[in-house]
Amino acid sequence: MAFVVSFALFLAGIFLFYFAFTVESFQAIIFFAGILSVSLSFGIPAHVLAKR
């Protein structure tokens, strides 16, 4: 389950990176949301799977 959530967050982050360059406003906020999404996608398995 953690893998599926992490993979979905990673793909959403990559999409947000792309989307930030196509919108007319709020580029920085969208790009930062992409950074947070990709960071969470790497952090969740590291913390969830490390406890097993």
PDB file of N, CA and C in Angstrom:
ATOM      1  N   MET A   1       0.820  -1.196   0.000  1.00  0.00           N
ATOM      2  CA  MET A   1       0.000   0.000   0.000  1.00  0.00           C
ATOM      3  C   MET A   1       0.862   1.257   0.000  1.00  0.00           C
ATOM      4  N   ALA A   2       1.949   1.257   0.760  1.00  0.00           N
ATOM      5  CA  ALA A   2       2.821   2.425   0.809  1.00  0.00           C
ATOM      6  C   ALA A   2       3.456   2.683  -0.552  1.00  0.00           C
ATOM      7  N   PHE A   3       3.749   1.604  -1.283  1.00  0.00           N
ATOM      8  CA  PHE A   3       4.337   1.767  -2.615  1.00  0.00           C
ATOM      9  C   PHE A   3       3.368   2.449  -3.567  1.00  0.00           C
ATOM     10  N   VAL A   4       2.111   2.071  -3.523  1.00  0.00           N
ATOM     11  CA  VAL A   4       1.111   2.641  -4.422  1.00  0.00           C
ATOM     12  C   VAL A   4       0.911   4.130  -4.128  1.00  0.00           C
ATOM     13  N   VAL A   5       0.811   4.482  -2.860  1.00  0.00           N
ATOM     14  CA  VAL A   5       0.657   5.881  -2.477  1.00  0.00           C
ATOM     15  C   VAL A   5       1.894   6.682  -2.875  1.00  0.00           C
ATOM     16  N   SER A   6       3.058   6.118  -2.646  1.00  0.00           N
ATOM     17  CA  SER A   6       4.295   6.805  -2.998  1.00  0.00           C
ATOM     18  C   SER A   6       4.417   7.008  -4.498  1.00  0.00           C
ATOM     19  N   PHE A   7       4.065   6.001  -5.256  1.00  0.00           N
ATOM     20  CA  PHE A   7       4.147   6.116  -6.707  1.00  0.00           C
ATOM     21  C   PHE A   7       3.151   7.149  -7.224  1.00  0.00           C
ATOM     22  N   ALA A   8       1.951   7.183  -6.653  1.00  0.00           N
ATOM     23  CA  ALA A   8       0.949   8.172  -7.064  1.00  0.00           C
ATOM     24  C   ALA A   8       1.421   9.585  -6.722  1.00  0.00           C
ATOM     25  N   LEU A   9       2.009   9.761  -5.553  1.00  0.00           N
ATOM     26  CA  LEU A   9       2.545  11.075  -5.188  1.00  0.00           C
ATOM     27  C   LEU A   9       3.685  11.488  -6.101  1.00  0.00           C
ATOM     28  N   PHE A  10       4.525  10.545  -6.478  1.00  0.00           N
ATOM     29  CA  PHE A  10       5.632  10.845  -7.376  1.00  0.00           C
ATOM     30  C   PHE A  10       5.116  11.301  -8.746  1.00  0.00           C
ATOM     31  N   LEU A  11       4.149  10.578  -9.277  1.00  0.00           N
ATOM     32  CA  LEU A  11       3.589  10.954 -10.576  1.00  0.00           C
ATOM     33  C   LEU A  11       2.861  12.296 -10.500  1.00  0.00           C
ATOM     34  N   ALA A  12       2.170  12.536  -9.403  1.00  0.00           N
ATOM     35  CA  ALA A  12       1.496  13.827  -9.227  1.00  0.00           C
ATOM     36  C   ALA A  12       2.510  14.958  -9.146  1.00  0.00           C
ATOM     37  N   GLY A  13       3.633  14.718  -8.485  1.00  0.00           N
ATOM     38  CA  GLY A  13       4.676  15.729  -8.406  1.00  0.00           C
ATOM     39  C   GLY A  13       5.290  16.036  -9.747  1.00  0.00           C
ATOM     40  N   ILE A  14       5.530  15.011 -10.540  1.00  0.00           N
ATOM     41  CA  ILE A  14       6.066  15.221 -11.887  1.00  0.00           C
ATOM     42  C   ILE A  14       5.068  16.006 -12.731  1.00  0.00           C
ATOM     43  N   PHE A  15       3.790  15.692 -12.601  1.00  0.00           N
ATOM     44  CA  PHE A  15       2.769  16.447 -13.324  1.00  0.00           C
ATOM     45  C   PHE A  15       2.733  17.899 -12.864  1.00  0.00           C
ATOM     46  N   LEU A  16       2.886  18.142 -11.574  1.00  0.00           N
ATOM     47  CA  LEU A  16       2.895  19.515 -11.075  1.00  0.00           C
ATOM     48  C   LEU A  16       4.098  20.292 -11.598  1.00  0.00           C
ATOM     49  N   PHE A  17       5.245  19.635 -11.748  1.00  0.00           N
ATOM     50  CA  PHE A  17       6.404  20.298 -12.354  1.00  0.00           C
ATOM     51  C   PHE A  17       6.058  20.759 -13.767  1.00  0.00           C
ATOM     52  N   TYR A  18       5.448  19.890 -14.542  1.00  0.00           N
ATOM     53  CA  TYR A  18       5.046  20.228 -15.902  1.00  0.00           C
ATOM     54  C   TYR A  18       4.001  21.336 -15.894  1.00  0.00           C
ATOM     55  N   PHE A  19       3.022  21.204 -15.030  1.00  0.00           N
ATOM     56  CA  PHE A  19       1.892  22.137 -14.985  1.00  0.00           C
ATOM     57  C   PHE A  19       2.337  23.538 -14.575  1.00  0.00           C
ATOM     58  N   ALA A  20       3.376  23.639 -13.750  1.00  0.00           N
ATOM     59  CA  ALA A  20       3.856  24.939 -13.293  1.00  0.00           C
ATOM     60  C   ALA A  20       4.364  25.790 -14.452  1.00  0.00           C
ATOM     61  N   PHE A  21       4.874  25.167 -15.487  1.00  0.00           N
ATOM     62  CA  PHE A  21       5.392  25.921 -16.622  1.00  0.00           C
ATOM     63  C   PHE A  21       4.327  26.241 -17.671  1.00  0.00           C
ATOM     64  N   THR A  22       3.125  25.697 -17.516  1.00  0.00           N
ATOM     65  CA  THR A  22       2.082  25.938 -18.508  1.00  0.00           C
ATOM     66  C   THR A  22       1.019  26.924 -18.041  1.00  0.00           C
ATOM     67  N   VAL A  23       0.940  27.209 -16.755  1.00  0.00           N
ATOM     68  CA  VAL A  23      -0.083  28.126 -16.257  1.00  0.00           C
ATOM     69  C   VAL A  23       0.414  29.566 -16.350  1.00  0.00           C
ATOM     70  N   GLU A  24      -0.511  30.496 -16.251  1.00  0.00           N
ATOM     71  CA  GLU A  24      -0.174  31.913 -16.347  1.00  0.00           C
ATOM     72  C   GLU A  24       0.206  32.525 -15.008  1.00  0.00           C
ATOM     73  N   SER A  25      -0.301  31.982 -13.919  1.00  0.00           N
ATOM     74  CA  SER A  25       0.001  32.543 -12.599  1.00  0.00           C
ATOM     75  C   SER A  25       0.191  31.411 -11.591  1.00  0.00           C
ATOM     76  N   PHE A  26       0.747  31.749 -10.446  1.00  0.00           N
ATOM     77  CA  PHE A  26       1.005  30.805  -9.349  1.00  0.00           C
ATOM     78  C   PHE A  26       1.996  29.718  -9.732  1.00  0.00           C
ATOM     79  N   GLN A  27       2.948  30.030 -10.597  1.00  0.00           N
ATOM     80  CA  GLN A  27       3.930  29.037 -11.027  1.00  0.00           C
ATOM     81  C   GLN A  27       4.781  28.556  -9.849  1.00  0.00           C
ATOM     82  N   ALA A  28       5.212  29.480  -9.006  1.00  0.00           N
ATOM     83  CA  ALA A  28       6.094  29.119  -7.896  1.00  0.00           C
ATOM     84  C   ALA A  28       5.380  28.222  -6.888  1.00  0.00           C
ATOM     85  N   ILE A  29       4.123  28.523  -6.616  1.00  0.00           N
ATOM     86  CA  ILE A  29       3.366  27.721  -5.648  1.00  0.00           C
ATOM     87  C   ILE A  29       3.142  26.307  -6.180  1.00  0.00           C
ATOM     88  N   ILE A  30       2.809  26.201  -7.451  1.00  0.00           N
ATOM     89  CA  ILE A  30       2.576  24.888  -8.053  1.00  0.00           C
ATOM     90  C   ILE A  30       3.879  24.096  -8.112  1.00  0.00           C
ATOM     91  N   PHE A  31       4.967  24.757  -8.472  1.00  0.00           N
ATOM     92  CA  PHE A  31       6.258  24.075  -8.526  1.00  0.00           C
ATOM     93  C   PHE A  31       6.679  23.604  -7.143  1.00  0.00           C
ATOM     94  N   PHE A  32       6.465  24.435  -6.126  1.00  0.00           N
ATOM     95  CA  PHE A  32       6.795  24.048  -4.750  1.00  0.00           C
ATOM     96  C   PHE A  32       5.926  22.882  -4.286  1.00  0.00           C
ATOM     97  N   ALA A  33       4.671  22.853  -4.700  1.00  0.00           N
ATOM     98  CA  ALA A  33       3.797  21.718  -4.384  1.00  0.00           C
ATOM     99  C   ALA A  33       4.327  20.444  -5.029  1.00  0.00           C
ATOM    100  N   GLY A  34       4.889  20.565  -6.229  1.00  0.00           N
ATOM    101  CA  GLY A  34       5.522  19.415  -6.876  1.00  0.00           C
ATOM    102  C   GLY A  34       6.730  18.927  -6.109  1.00  0.00           C
ATOM    103  N   ILE A  35       7.534  19.856  -5.614  1.00  0.00           N
ATOM    104  CA  ILE A  35       8.701  19.480  -4.804  1.00  0.00           C
ATOM    105  C   ILE A  35       8.260  18.757  -3.537  1.00  0.00           C
ATOM    106  N   LEU A  36       7.228  19.285  -2.878  1.00  0.00           N
ATOM    107  CA  LEU A  36       6.718  18.630  -1.662  1.00  0.00           C
ATOM    108  C   LEU A  36       6.163  17.237  -1.966  1.00  0.00           C
ATOM    109  N   SER A  37       5.469  17.107  -3.076  1.00  0.00           N
ATOM    110  CA  SER A  37       4.892  15.816  -3.443  1.00  0.00           C
ATOM    111  C   SER A  37       5.969  14.772  -3.712  1.00  0.00           C
ATOM    112  N   VAL A  38       6.988  15.152  -4.459  1.00  0.00           N
ATOM    113  CA  VAL A  38       8.069  14.208  -4.745  1.00  0.00           C
ATOM    114  C   VAL A  38       8.843  13.882  -3.471  1.00  0.00           C
ATOM    115  N   SER A  39       9.043  14.861  -2.608  1.00  0.00           N
ATOM    116  CA  SER A  39       9.734  14.611  -1.340  1.00  0.00           C
ATOM    117  C   SER A  39       8.949  13.643  -0.466  1.00  0.00           C
ATOM    118  N   LEU A  40       7.656  13.830  -0.402  1.00  0.00           N
ATOM    119  CA  LEU A  40       6.820  12.894   0.365  1.00  0.00           C
ATOM    120  C   LEU A  40       6.837  11.502  -0.244  1.00  0.00           C
ATOM    121  N   SER A  41       6.901  11.435  -1.567  1.00  0.00           N
ATOM    122  CA  SER A  41       6.900  10.124  -2.209  1.00  0.00           C
ATOM    123  C   SER A  41       8.161   9.331  -1.873  1.00  0.00           C
ATOM    124  N   PHE A  42       9.254  10.002  -1.601  1.00  0.00           N
ATOM    125  CA  PHE A  42      10.464   9.313  -1.162  1.00  0.00           C
ATOM    126  C   PHE A  42      10.486   9.107   0.350  1.00  0.00           C
ATOM    127  N   GLY A  43       9.863  10.002   1.083  1.00  0.00           N
ATOM    128  CA  GLY A  43       9.890   9.926   2.543  1.00  0.00           C
ATOM    129  C   GLY A  43       8.961   8.895   3.140  1.00  0.00           C
ATOM    130  N   ILE A  44       7.813   8.703   2.531  1.00  0.00           N
ATOM    131  CA  ILE A  44       6.829   7.754   3.082  1.00  0.00           C
ATOM    132  C   ILE A  44       7.383   6.333   3.130  1.00  0.00           C
ATOM    133  N   PRO A  45       7.935   5.795   2.056  1.00  0.00           N
ATOM    134  CA  PRO A  45       8.449   4.421   2.170  1.00  0.00           C
ATOM    135  C   PRO A  45       9.646   4.321   3.110  1.00  0.00           C
ATOM    136  N   ALA A  46      10.433   5.366   3.163  1.00  0.00           N
ATOM    137  CA  ALA A  46      11.608   5.321   4.037  1.00  0.00           C
ATOM    138  C   ALA A  46      11.196   5.230   5.498  1.00  0.00           C
ATOM    139  N   HIS A  47      10.124   5.889   5.866  1.00  0.00           N
ATOM    140  CA  HIS A  47       9.686   5.853   7.254  1.00  0.00           C
ATOM    141  C   HIS A  47       8.721   4.710   7.545  1.00  0.00           C
ATOM    142  N   VAL A  48       7.859   4.404   6.608  1.00  0.00           N
ATOM    143  CA  VAL A  48       6.873   3.339   6.831  1.00  0.00           C
ATOM    144  C   VAL A  48       7.544   1.976   6.760  1.00  0.00           C
ATOM    145  N   LEU A  49       8.348   1.767   5.744  1.00  0.00           N
ATOM    146  CA  LEU A  49       8.974   0.457   5.559  1.00  0.00           C
ATOM    147  C   LEU A  49      10.147   0.225   6.502  1.00  0.00           C
ATOM    148  N   ALA A  50      10.717   1.281   7.057  1.00  0.00           N
ATOM    149  CA  ALA A  50      11.821   1.123   7.995  1.00  0.00           C
ATOM    150  C   ALA A  50      11.348   0.575   9.336  1.00  0.00           C
ATOM    151  N   LYS A  51      10.080   0.738   9.658  1.00  0.00           N
ATOM    152  CA  LYS A  51       9.540   0.274  10.933  1.00  0.00           C
ATOM    153  C   LYS A  51       9.160  -1.195  10.907  1.00  0.00           C
ATOM    154  N   ARG A  52       9.220  -1.821   9.767  1.00  0.00           N
ATOM    155  CA  ARG A  52       8.854  -3.228   9.662  1.00  0.00           C
ATOM    156  C   ARG A  52      10.028  -4.108   9.928  1.00  0.00           C
TER     157      ARG A  52
END
